[in-house]
Amino acid sequence: MNEEKKESIFDEMERVAAEYSQAKANAIYLTEFRKSKKAILMKEAESLKPGLAGNAQEREAYSHHEYKELLLGLREATEMAEAYKMKWEILRMRFEKWRSTQANKRAEANLR
C-alpha cells in the first residue's frame, strides 16, 4: 500500500467515523424518545377513555401504530450504527495490516 492509498484509508475512516457518530446519536435519541412517546400515547389513551387504569394505558401505548413505527425506526438506526461500526473495524484492520507490512519490510531491510 502506497502513501496515497494510506491517505485514502484515513479519509474513509474519517467519513465512516462521522457517519457512525450520526447513526449512533440517532439510535440513542430514538431509544430515549421511546419513553416520551409511550407517555404521550398513554396520556392520549387516558383522554380517550377517562379513568383507564395505568396498565391499560400502557397496553394501548405499546399497541399503537405510532409506537410500532418508532420501534422500526429504532431498529433501523441501530442496524445502521452497527454497520458503520463494523466498517470502522474493517478499515482499522486494513490499516493495521499495512502497518505490519511496513514493519516487516523495515525488518527485512535491516537484515540485509
N, C-alpha and C. Protein backbone atom coordinates (compact mmCIF):
# COMPACT_ATOMS: atom_id res chain seq x y z
N MET A 1 0.86 -1.17 0.00
CA MET A 1 0.00 0.00 0.00
C MET A 1 0.90 1.23 0.00
N ASN A 2 0.67 2.09 -0.96
CA ASN A 2 1.49 3.29 -1.03
C ASN A 2 0.92 4.39 -0.14
N GLU A 3 1.64 5.49 -0.11
CA GLU A 3 1.23 6.61 0.76
C GLU A 3 -0.15 7.15 0.37
N GLU A 4 -0.41 7.19 -0.92
CA GLU A 4 -1.71 7.69 -1.40
C GLU A 4 -2.86 6.79 -0.92
N LYS A 5 -2.63 5.47 -0.98
CA LYS A 5 -3.66 4.54 -0.52
C LYS A 5 -3.87 4.66 0.99
N LYS A 6 -2.77 4.87 1.73
CA LYS A 6 -2.88 5.06 3.18
C LYS A 6 -3.74 6.28 3.48
N GLU A 7 -3.52 7.36 2.75
CA GLU A 7 -4.30 8.58 2.95
C GLU A 7 -5.77 8.34 2.61
N SER A 8 -6.04 7.51 1.59
CA SER A 8 -7.44 7.24 1.25
C SER A 8 -8.12 6.44 2.37
N ILE A 9 -7.36 5.58 3.03
CA ILE A 9 -7.93 4.85 4.18
C ILE A 9 -8.24 5.83 5.30
N PHE A 10 -7.34 6.78 5.55
CA PHE A 10 -7.61 7.78 6.58
C PHE A 10 -8.85 8.61 6.24
N ASP A 11 -8.97 8.98 4.96
CA ASP A 11 -10.16 9.74 4.54
C ASP A 11 -11.42 8.92 4.75
N GLU A 12 -11.37 7.65 4.39
CA GLU A 12 -12.52 6.76 4.57
C GLU A 12 -12.83 6.57 6.05
N MET A 13 -11.81 6.45 6.88
CA MET A 13 -12.02 6.30 8.32
C MET A 13 -12.70 7.55 8.88
N GLU A 14 -12.27 8.69 8.42
CA GLU A 14 -12.87 9.94 8.87
C GLU A 14 -14.35 10.01 8.47
N ARG A 15 -14.66 9.62 7.24
CA ARG A 15 -16.04 9.63 6.76
C ARG A 15 -16.90 8.65 7.56
N VAL A 16 -16.38 7.44 7.74
CA VAL A 16 -17.13 6.41 8.45
C VAL A 16 -17.33 6.81 9.91
N ALA A 17 -16.32 7.43 10.52
CA ALA A 17 -16.45 7.87 11.91
C ALA A 17 -17.58 8.89 12.05
N ALA A 18 -17.66 9.82 11.11
CA ALA A 18 -18.72 10.83 11.15
C ALA A 18 -20.10 10.18 10.97
N GLU A 19 -20.18 9.24 10.03
CA GLU A 19 -21.46 8.57 9.78
C GLU A 19 -21.85 7.68 10.96
N TYR A 20 -20.87 7.01 11.56
CA TYR A 20 -21.15 6.19 12.74
C TYR A 20 -21.66 7.05 13.89
N SER A 21 -21.00 8.19 14.09
CA SER A 21 -21.42 9.08 15.17
C SER A 21 -22.87 9.53 14.99
N GLN A 22 -23.22 9.90 13.77
CA GLN A 22 -24.59 10.34 13.49
C GLN A 22 -25.58 9.19 13.69
N ALA A 23 -25.24 8.02 13.19
CA ALA A 23 -26.13 6.86 13.33
C ALA A 23 -26.30 6.47 14.79
N LYS A 24 -25.23 6.52 15.55
CA LYS A 24 -25.28 6.19 16.98
C LYS A 24 -26.13 7.21 17.72
N ALA A 25 -25.96 8.49 17.39
CA ALA A 25 -26.76 9.54 18.01
C ALA A 25 -28.24 9.34 17.72
N ASN A 26 -28.57 8.97 16.48
CA ASN A 26 -29.96 8.72 16.12
C ASN A 26 -30.53 7.55 16.92
N ALA A 27 -29.76 6.50 17.06
CA ALA A 27 -30.23 5.33 17.82
C ALA A 27 -30.47 5.69 19.28
N ILE A 28 -29.56 6.46 19.86
CA ILE A 28 -29.71 6.86 21.26
C ILE A 28 -30.92 7.79 21.40
N TYR A 29 -31.07 8.72 20.48
CA TYR A 29 -32.22 9.63 20.53
C TYR A 29 -33.53 8.83 20.49
N LEU A 30 -33.63 7.91 19.55
CA LEU A 30 -34.87 7.13 19.44
C LEU A 30 -35.10 6.26 20.67
N THR A 31 -34.05 5.75 21.25
CA THR A 31 -34.18 4.96 22.48
C THR A 31 -34.78 5.80 23.59
N GLU A 32 -34.29 7.02 23.72
CA GLU A 32 -34.80 7.91 24.76
C GLU A 32 -36.19 8.44 24.41
N PHE A 33 -36.41 8.74 23.14
CA PHE A 33 -37.72 9.26 22.72
C PHE A 33 -38.81 8.21 22.88
N ARG A 34 -38.43 6.95 22.83
CA ARG A 34 -39.39 5.86 23.01
C ARG A 34 -40.14 6.03 24.33
N LYS A 35 -39.44 6.46 25.36
CA LYS A 35 -40.06 6.67 26.68
C LYS A 35 -41.08 7.81 26.62
N SER A 36 -40.69 8.89 25.95
CA SER A 36 -41.60 10.03 25.82
C SER A 36 -42.82 9.65 24.99
N LYS A 37 -42.59 8.93 23.91
CA LYS A 37 -43.70 8.52 23.05
C LYS A 37 -44.68 7.64 23.82
N LYS A 38 -44.16 6.75 24.62
CA LYS A 38 -45.02 5.88 25.44
C LYS A 38 -45.88 6.74 26.36
N ALA A 39 -45.27 7.73 27.01
CA ALA A 39 -46.02 8.60 27.92
C ALA A 39 -47.09 9.40 27.17
N ILE A 40 -46.74 9.90 26.00
CA ILE A 40 -47.69 10.66 25.18
C ILE A 40 -48.88 9.78 24.80
N LEU A 41 -48.57 8.57 24.37
CA LEU A 41 -49.64 7.66 23.94
C LEU A 41 -50.49 7.18 25.13
N MET A 42 -49.87 7.02 26.27
CA MET A 42 -50.64 6.66 27.46
C MET A 42 -51.59 7.79 27.85
N LYS A 43 -51.10 9.02 27.76
CA LYS A 43 -51.93 10.18 28.07
C LYS A 43 -53.09 10.27 27.08
N GLU A 44 -52.80 10.02 25.82
CA GLU A 44 -53.83 10.03 24.78
C GLU A 44 -54.89 8.96 25.06
N ALA A 45 -54.44 7.77 25.43
CA ALA A 45 -55.38 6.68 25.74
C ALA A 45 -56.27 7.05 26.92
N GLU A 46 -55.68 7.70 27.92
CA GLU A 46 -56.45 8.09 29.10
C GLU A 46 -57.46 9.18 28.74
N SER A 47 -57.07 10.09 27.85
CA SER A 47 -58.00 11.16 27.47
C SER A 47 -59.17 10.62 26.63
N LEU A 48 -58.90 9.57 25.87
CA LEU A 48 -59.97 8.95 25.08
C LEU A 48 -60.90 8.11 25.94
N LYS A 49 -60.34 7.53 27.00
CA LYS A 49 -61.11 6.68 27.92
C LYS A 49 -60.79 7.10 29.34
N PRO A 50 -61.44 8.18 29.83
CA PRO A 50 -61.13 8.67 31.19
C PRO A 50 -61.28 7.55 32.23
N GLY A 51 -60.36 7.56 33.16
CA GLY A 51 -60.39 6.56 34.22
C GLY A 51 -59.71 5.25 33.85
N LEU A 52 -59.12 5.20 32.66
CA LEU A 52 -58.43 3.98 32.21
C LEU A 52 -57.23 3.71 33.13
N ALA A 53 -57.12 2.50 33.60
CA ALA A 53 -56.03 2.13 34.51
C ALA A 53 -54.67 2.27 33.81
N GLY A 54 -53.65 2.49 34.62
CA GLY A 54 -52.29 2.68 34.09
C GLY A 54 -51.81 1.53 33.22
N ASN A 55 -52.06 0.30 33.66
CA ASN A 55 -51.60 -0.84 32.86
C ASN A 55 -52.36 -0.93 31.53
N ALA A 56 -53.61 -0.50 31.52
CA ALA A 56 -54.38 -0.49 30.26
C ALA A 56 -53.88 0.63 29.35
N GLN A 57 -53.51 1.76 29.95
CA GLN A 57 -52.92 2.85 29.15
C GLN A 57 -51.62 2.39 28.50
N GLU A 58 -50.83 1.67 29.28
CA GLU A 58 -49.55 1.17 28.78
C GLU A 58 -49.78 0.19 27.62
N ARG A 59 -50.75 -0.69 27.79
CA ARG A 59 -51.08 -1.66 26.74
C ARG A 59 -51.51 -0.93 25.46
N GLU A 60 -52.32 0.11 25.62
CA GLU A 60 -52.76 0.90 24.46
C GLU A 60 -51.57 1.58 23.79
N ALA A 61 -50.66 2.11 24.59
CA ALA A 61 -49.49 2.80 24.05
C ALA A 61 -48.60 1.83 23.26
N TYR A 62 -48.34 0.66 23.84
CA TYR A 62 -47.48 -0.31 23.17
C TYR A 62 -48.09 -0.85 21.88
N SER A 63 -49.40 -0.89 21.81
CA SER A 63 -50.05 -1.44 20.61
C SER A 63 -50.35 -0.36 19.57
N HIS A 64 -50.09 0.89 19.88
CA HIS A 64 -50.38 1.99 18.97
C HIS A 64 -49.44 1.93 17.75
N HIS A 65 -49.98 2.24 16.58
CA HIS A 65 -49.16 2.16 15.35
C HIS A 65 -47.98 3.13 15.37
N GLU A 66 -48.12 4.29 16.03
CA GLU A 66 -47.00 5.24 16.10
C GLU A 66 -45.85 4.67 16.93
N TYR A 67 -46.19 3.94 17.98
CA TYR A 67 -45.14 3.33 18.80
C TYR A 67 -44.43 2.24 18.00
N LYS A 68 -45.20 1.46 17.26
CA LYS A 68 -44.60 0.40 16.44
C LYS A 68 -43.70 1.00 15.36
N GLU A 69 -44.10 2.13 14.77
CA GLU A 69 -43.26 2.81 13.77
C GLU A 69 -41.96 3.31 14.41
N LEU A 70 -42.07 3.83 15.62
CA LEU A 70 -40.88 4.28 16.33
C LEU A 70 -39.91 3.12 16.54
N LEU A 71 -40.44 1.97 16.91
CA LEU A 71 -39.59 0.79 17.11
C LEU A 71 -38.90 0.36 15.82
N LEU A 72 -39.61 0.46 14.70
CA LEU A 72 -38.99 0.14 13.41
C LEU A 72 -37.86 1.12 13.11
N GLY A 73 -38.09 2.39 13.41
CA GLY A 73 -37.04 3.39 13.22
C GLY A 73 -35.84 3.13 14.11
N LEU A 74 -36.11 2.73 15.34
CA LEU A 74 -35.03 2.40 16.27
C LEU A 74 -34.23 1.20 15.77
N ARG A 75 -34.93 0.21 15.25
CA ARG A 75 -34.24 -0.96 14.71
C ARG A 75 -33.33 -0.55 13.54
N GLU A 76 -33.85 0.29 12.66
CA GLU A 76 -33.07 0.74 11.50
C GLU A 76 -31.86 1.57 11.94
N ALA A 77 -32.07 2.47 12.90
CA ALA A 77 -30.97 3.31 13.37
C ALA A 77 -29.88 2.46 14.04
N THR A 78 -30.30 1.48 14.82
CA THR A 78 -29.34 0.59 15.48
C THR A 78 -28.57 -0.23 14.46
N GLU A 79 -29.28 -0.74 13.46
CA GLU A 79 -28.63 -1.52 12.41
C GLU A 79 -27.61 -0.67 11.66
N MET A 80 -27.98 0.57 11.36
CA MET A 80 -27.06 1.46 10.64
C MET A 80 -25.83 1.76 11.49
N ALA A 81 -26.04 2.03 12.77
CA ALA A 81 -24.90 2.31 13.65
C ALA A 81 -23.96 1.12 13.72
N GLU A 82 -24.51 -0.07 13.83
CA GLU A 82 -23.68 -1.27 13.89
C GLU A 82 -22.94 -1.51 12.58
N ALA A 83 -23.59 -1.22 11.46
CA ALA A 83 -22.93 -1.39 10.16
C ALA A 83 -21.73 -0.45 10.05
N TYR A 84 -21.90 0.80 10.47
CA TYR A 84 -20.77 1.74 10.43
C TYR A 84 -19.68 1.34 11.41
N LYS A 85 -20.07 0.80 12.53
CA LYS A 85 -19.07 0.32 13.49
C LYS A 85 -18.23 -0.79 12.87
N MET A 86 -18.88 -1.70 12.16
CA MET A 86 -18.15 -2.79 11.50
C MET A 86 -17.26 -2.26 10.37
N LYS A 87 -17.76 -1.29 9.61
CA LYS A 87 -16.93 -0.68 8.56
C LYS A 87 -15.68 -0.06 9.17
N TRP A 88 -15.86 0.61 10.31
CA TRP A 88 -14.72 1.22 11.01
C TRP A 88 -13.70 0.15 11.40
N GLU A 89 -14.18 -0.96 11.94
CA GLU A 89 -13.28 -2.03 12.35
C GLU A 89 -12.52 -2.61 11.16
N ILE A 90 -13.19 -2.77 10.04
CA ILE A 90 -12.54 -3.30 8.83
C ILE A 90 -11.45 -2.33 8.36
N LEU A 91 -11.77 -1.03 8.35
CA LEU A 91 -10.76 -0.05 7.95
C LEU A 91 -9.58 -0.05 8.91
N ARG A 92 -9.86 -0.18 10.20
CA ARG A 92 -8.79 -0.22 11.20
C ARG A 92 -7.90 -1.44 10.97
N MET A 93 -8.53 -2.58 10.66
CA MET A 93 -7.74 -3.78 10.41
C MET A 93 -6.89 -3.64 9.14
N ARG A 94 -7.46 -3.00 8.11
CA ARG A 94 -6.67 -2.78 6.89
C ARG A 94 -5.47 -1.90 7.17
N PHE A 95 -5.66 -0.88 7.99
CA PHE A 95 -4.54 -0.01 8.34
C PHE A 95 -3.51 -0.76 9.16
N GLU A 96 -3.95 -1.56 10.11
CA GLU A 96 -3.02 -2.34 10.93
C GLU A 96 -2.24 -3.33 10.06
N LYS A 97 -2.90 -3.90 9.08
CA LYS A 97 -2.21 -4.80 8.15
C LYS A 97 -1.12 -4.03 7.42
N TRP A 98 -1.45 -2.83 6.96
CA TRP A 98 -0.46 -2.00 6.27
C TRP A 98 0.71 -1.69 7.20
N ARG A 99 0.42 -1.35 8.46
CA ARG A 99 1.49 -1.05 9.41
C ARG A 99 2.39 -2.25 9.62
N SER A 100 1.80 -3.44 9.75
CA SER A 100 2.59 -4.66 9.94
C SER A 100 3.47 -4.93 8.73
N THR A 101 2.90 -4.73 7.55
CA THR A 101 3.67 -4.93 6.32
C THR A 101 4.86 -3.99 6.28
N GLN A 102 4.64 -2.73 6.65
CA GLN A 102 5.73 -1.75 6.66
C GLN A 102 6.81 -2.14 7.68
N ALA A 103 6.39 -2.61 8.83
CA ALA A 103 7.36 -3.04 9.85
C ALA A 103 8.16 -4.24 9.35
N ASN A 104 7.48 -5.18 8.69
CA ASN A 104 8.18 -6.34 8.14
C ASN A 104 9.19 -5.93 7.07
N LYS A 105 8.83 -4.99 6.24
CA LYS A 105 9.76 -4.51 5.21
C LYS A 105 10.98 -3.85 5.84
N ARG A 106 10.76 -3.07 6.89
CA ARG A 106 11.88 -2.43 7.57
C ARG A 106 12.80 -3.49 8.21
N ALA A 107 12.18 -4.50 8.80
CA ALA A 107 12.96 -5.56 9.44
C ALA A 107 13.78 -6.32 8.41
N GLU A 108 13.18 -6.61 7.26
CA GLU A 108 13.91 -7.31 6.18
C GLU A 108 15.06 -6.48 5.69
N ALA A 109 14.84 -5.18 5.56
CA ALA A 109 15.90 -4.28 5.09
C ALA A 109 17.06 -4.24 6.07
N ASN A 110 16.78 -4.33 7.35
CA ASN A 110 17.82 -4.31 8.37
C ASN A 110 18.61 -5.60 8.42
N LEU A 111 18.03 -6.69 7.94
CA LEU A 111 18.71 -8.00 7.95
C LEU A 111 19.69 -8.14 6.80
N ARG A 112 19.55 -7.32 5.82
CA ARG A 112 20.41 -7.44 4.64
C ARG A 112 21.75 -6.85 4.84
